[in-house]
Amino acid sequence: MSSDAHAHTADAHGHAHEDGHSHGSLKSYLIGFFLSVVLTAVPFWLVMTGKLGSNQVTGFVIMALAAVQIVVHMVFFLHMNTRSEGGWSMLAMIFTIMIVVIVLSGSLWVMYHLNTNMMPTHDMSRMP
């Protein structure tokens, strides 16, 4: 049998898949959607209520939840795992996580230093 005969398989609905893996079920999409909604709503709730007290802690928690949400999207919507495409999807996920960490930490560093190194505001009430 040729390699082409093994490359194409059909799912229960007769849809052909190149690598033999399904595109995901309704259940996995709903789980991903629910996690995405929760990972979006929680940071808004934290900011609006101020439950964590410190702005720095809140910022770090929001950044951590953003990174988790990126992984949720990659797993549940892009179907990246260790088995698909001979492991290249996992390598792409690791690379993406590294880039996200660099961008998030760089953004926090820039915002922190902009905040601490800006000129002080003038107190207009003390002006003659």
C-alpha atoms as a PDB file:
ATOM      1  CA  MET A   1       0.000   0.000   0.000  1.00  0.00           C
ATOM      2  CA  SER A   2       1.336   3.446  -0.831  1.00  0.00           C
ATOM      3  CA  SER A   3       2.100   6.062   1.790  1.00  0.00           C
ATOM      4  CA  ASP A   4      -0.773   8.184   0.434  1.00  0.00           C
ATOM      5  CA  ALA A   5      -3.264   5.522   1.480  1.00  0.00           C
ATOM      6  CA  HIS A   6      -2.009   5.728   5.067  1.00  0.00           C
ATOM      7  CA  ALA A   7      -1.796   9.531   5.101  1.00  0.00           C
ATOM      8  CA  HIS A   8      -5.524  10.132   4.684  1.00  0.00           C
ATOM      9  CA  THR A   9      -7.999   8.867   7.242  1.00  0.00           C
ATOM     10  CA  ALA A  10     -11.624   9.769   7.676  1.00  0.00           C
ATOM     11  CA  ASP A  11     -13.435  10.708  10.849  1.00  0.00           C
ATOM     12  CA  ALA A  12     -16.958   9.620  11.807  1.00  0.00           C
ATOM     13  CA  HIS A  13     -18.439  12.266   9.512  1.00  0.00           C
ATOM     14  CA  GLY A  14     -16.327  11.232   6.522  1.00  0.00           C
ATOM     15  CA  HIS A  15     -14.010  14.244   6.664  1.00  0.00           C
ATOM     16  CA  ALA A  16     -10.460  13.396   5.643  1.00  0.00           C
ATOM     17  CA  HIS A  17      -7.528  14.448   7.812  1.00  0.00           C
ATOM     18  CA  GLU A  18      -3.966  14.582   6.569  1.00  0.00           C
ATOM     19  CA  ASP A  19      -2.234  13.326   9.706  1.00  0.00           C
ATOM     20  CA  GLY A  20      -4.949  11.078  11.149  1.00  0.00           C
ATOM     21  CA  HIS A  21      -5.765  13.459  14.006  1.00  0.00           C
ATOM     22  CA  SER A  22      -9.183  14.993  14.507  1.00  0.00           C
ATOM     23  CA  HIS A  23      -9.739  18.719  14.500  1.00  0.00           C
ATOM     24  CA  GLY A  24     -11.383  18.639  17.898  1.00  0.00           C
ATOM     25  CA  SER A  25     -14.797  17.927  19.259  1.00  0.00           C
ATOM     26  CA  LEU A  26     -17.560  20.258  20.331  1.00  0.00           C
ATOM     27  CA  LYS A  27     -16.675  19.389  23.933  1.00  0.00           C
ATOM     28  CA  SER A  28     -13.042  20.473  23.520  1.00  0.00           C
ATOM     29  CA  TYR A  29     -14.094  23.716  21.817  1.00  0.00           C
ATOM     30  CA  LEU A  30     -16.578  24.457  24.623  1.00  0.00           C
ATOM     31  CA  ILE A  31     -13.924  23.747  27.270  1.00  0.00           C
ATOM     32  CA  GLY A  32     -11.518  26.085  25.466  1.00  0.00           C
ATOM     33  CA  PHE A  33     -14.194  28.756  25.142  1.00  0.00           C
ATOM     34  CA  PHE A  34     -15.129  28.488  28.839  1.00  0.00           C
ATOM     35  CA  LEU A  35     -11.478  28.715  29.923  1.00  0.00           C
ATOM     36  CA  SER A  36     -10.951  31.710  27.631  1.00  0.00           C
ATOM     37  CA  VAL A  37     -13.955  33.521  29.087  1.00  0.00           C
ATOM     38  CA  VAL A  38     -12.817  32.824  32.656  1.00  0.00           C
ATOM     39  CA  LEU A  39      -9.221  33.866  31.870  1.00  0.00           C
ATOM     40  CA  THR A  40     -10.559  37.122  30.414  1.00  0.00           C
ATOM     41  CA  ALA A  41     -13.139  37.882  33.123  1.00  0.00           C
ATOM     42  CA  VAL A  42     -10.883  37.241  36.124  1.00  0.00           C
ATOM     43  CA  PRO A  43      -8.362  40.021  35.282  1.00  0.00           C
ATOM     44  CA  PHE A  44     -11.220  42.497  34.744  1.00  0.00           C
ATOM     45  CA  TRP A  45     -12.694  41.490  38.093  1.00  0.00           C
ATOM     46  CA  LEU A  46      -9.310  41.821  39.822  1.00  0.00           C
ATOM     47  CA  VAL A  47      -8.804  45.327  38.469  1.00  0.00           C
ATOM     48  CA  MET A  48     -12.350  46.520  39.149  1.00  0.00           C
ATOM     49  CA  THR A  49     -12.482  45.216  42.722  1.00  0.00           C
ATOM     50  CA  GLY A  50      -8.835  45.709  43.724  1.00  0.00           C
ATOM     51  CA  LYS A  51      -8.926  42.400  45.615  1.00  0.00           C
ATOM     52  CA  LEU A  52      -5.166  41.874  45.491  1.00  0.00           C
ATOM     53  CA  GLY A  53      -4.397  45.285  46.984  1.00  0.00           C
ATOM     54  CA  SER A  54      -1.093  45.983  45.285  1.00  0.00           C
ATOM     55  CA  ASN A  55      -1.018  47.178  41.690  1.00  0.00           C
ATOM     56  CA  GLN A  56       2.225  45.266  41.115  1.00  0.00           C
ATOM     57  CA  VAL A  57       0.774  41.961  42.296  1.00  0.00           C
ATOM     58  CA  THR A  58      -2.343  42.546  40.197  1.00  0.00           C
ATOM     59  CA  GLY A  59      -0.172  43.259  37.152  1.00  0.00           C
ATOM     60  CA  PHE A  60       1.839  40.079  37.591  1.00  0.00           C
ATOM     61  CA  VAL A  61      -1.308  37.977  38.094  1.00  0.00           C
ATOM     62  CA  ILE A  62      -2.842  39.473  34.937  1.00  0.00           C
ATOM     63  CA  MET A  63       0.319  38.732  32.948  1.00  0.00           C
ATOM     64  CA  ALA A  64       0.345  35.142  34.233  1.00  0.00           C
ATOM     65  CA  LEU A  65      -3.312  34.680  33.286  1.00  0.00           C
ATOM     66  CA  ALA A  66      -2.577  36.130  29.828  1.00  0.00           C
ATOM     67  CA  ALA A  67       0.207  33.596  29.317  1.00  0.00           C
ATOM     68  CA  VAL A  68      -2.094  30.772  30.426  1.00  0.00           C
ATOM     69  CA  GLN A  69      -4.751  32.009  28.010  1.00  0.00           C
ATOM     70  CA  ILE A  70      -2.285  31.877  25.120  1.00  0.00           C
ATOM     71  CA  VAL A  71      -1.513  28.244  25.961  1.00  0.00           C
ATOM     72  CA  VAL A  72      -5.254  27.471  26.217  1.00  0.00           C
ATOM     73  CA  HIS A  73      -5.801  28.897  22.750  1.00  0.00           C
ATOM     74  CA  MET A  74      -2.882  26.931  21.333  1.00  0.00           C
ATOM     75  CA  VAL A  75      -4.084  23.639  22.823  1.00  0.00           C
ATOM     76  CA  PHE A  76      -7.854  23.873  22.416  1.00  0.00           C
ATOM     77  CA  PHE A  77      -8.184  25.916  19.222  1.00  0.00           C
ATOM     78  CA  LEU A  78      -4.940  25.290  17.332  1.00  0.00           C
ATOM     79  CA  HIS A  79      -4.758  21.642  18.519  1.00  0.00           C
ATOM     80  CA  MET A  80      -1.058  21.742  19.347  1.00  0.00           C
ATOM     81  CA  ASN A  81       0.222  18.731  21.254  1.00  0.00           C
ATOM     82  CA  THR A  82       3.258  16.459  21.359  1.00  0.00           C
ATOM     83  CA  ARG A  83       1.795  13.951  18.879  1.00  0.00           C
ATOM     84  CA  SER A  84       0.734  16.204  16.020  1.00  0.00           C
ATOM     85  CA  GLU A  85       3.063  16.892  13.124  1.00  0.00           C
ATOM     86  CA  GLY A  86       5.901  14.827  14.531  1.00  0.00           C
ATOM     87  CA  GLY A  87       6.463  17.088  17.533  1.00  0.00           C
ATOM     88  CA  TRP A  88       6.927  20.285  15.521  1.00  0.00           C
ATOM     89  CA  SER A  89       3.760  21.738  17.023  1.00  0.00           C
ATOM     90  CA  MET A  90       5.223  21.335  20.503  1.00  0.00           C
ATOM     91  CA  LEU A  91       8.428  23.013  19.361  1.00  0.00           C
ATOM     92  CA  ALA A  92       6.345  25.882  17.976  1.00  0.00           C
ATOM     93  CA  MET A  93       4.497  26.113  21.306  1.00  0.00           C
ATOM     94  CA  ILE A  94       7.754  26.265  23.268  1.00  0.00           C
ATOM     95  CA  PHE A  95       9.074  28.954  20.923  1.00  0.00           C
ATOM     96  CA  THR A  96       5.834  30.926  21.292  1.00  0.00           C
ATOM     97  CA  ILE A  97       5.982  30.689  25.078  1.00  0.00           C
ATOM     98  CA  MET A  98       9.582  31.968  25.013  1.00  0.00           C
ATOM     99  CA  ILE A  99       8.609  34.919  22.812  1.00  0.00           C
ATOM    100  CA  VAL A 100       5.605  35.714  25.023  1.00  0.00           C
ATOM    101  CA  VAL A 101       7.779  35.670  28.161  1.00  0.00           C
ATOM    102  CA  ILE A 102      10.291  38.005  26.506  1.00  0.00           C
ATOM    103  CA  VAL A 103       7.578  40.397  25.301  1.00  0.00           C
ATOM    104  CA  LEU A 104       5.681  40.413  28.609  1.00  0.00           C
ATOM    105  CA  SER A 105       8.752  40.866  30.781  1.00  0.00           C
ATOM    106  CA  GLY A 106      10.128  43.525  28.427  1.00  0.00           C
ATOM    107  CA  SER A 107       6.819  45.376  28.449  1.00  0.00           C
ATOM    108  CA  LEU A 108       6.653  45.298  32.242  1.00  0.00           C
ATOM    109  CA  TRP A 109      10.257  46.483  32.481  1.00  0.00           C
ATOM    110  CA  VAL A 110       9.646  49.388  30.087  1.00  0.00           C
ATOM    111  CA  MET A 111       6.418  50.433  31.837  1.00  0.00           C
ATOM    112  CA  TYR A 112       8.054  50.237  35.272  1.00  0.00           C
ATOM    113  CA  HIS A 113      11.023  52.331  34.214  1.00  0.00           C
ATOM    114  CA  LEU A 114       8.849  54.863  32.400  1.00  0.00           C
ATOM    115  CA  ASN A 115       6.786  55.239  35.554  1.00  0.00           C
ATOM    116  CA  THR A 116       9.765  55.650  37.895  1.00  0.00           C
ATOM    117  CA  ASN A 117      11.879  57.854  35.605  1.00  0.00           C
ATOM    118  CA  MET A 118       9.266  60.339  34.448  1.00  0.00           C
ATOM    119  CA  MET A 119       9.553  63.946  35.531  1.00  0.00           C
ATOM    120  CA  PRO A 120       7.600  64.718  38.686  1.00  0.00           C
ATOM    121  CA  THR A 121       4.352  66.554  38.220  1.00  0.00           C
ATOM    122  CA  HIS A 122       4.191  70.127  39.386  1.00  0.00           C
ATOM    123  CA  ASP A 123       1.909  71.066  42.222  1.00  0.00           C
ATOM    124  CA  MET A 124      -0.170  73.875  40.744  1.00  0.00           C
ATOM    125  CA  SER A 125      -1.577  74.868  44.177  1.00  0.00           C
ATOM    126  CA  ARG A 126       1.853  76.111  45.294  1.00  0.00           C
ATOM    127  CA  MET A 127       2.274  78.357  42.266  1.00  0.00           C
ATOM    128  CA  PRO A 128       2.204  82.110  43.057  1.00  0.00           C
END
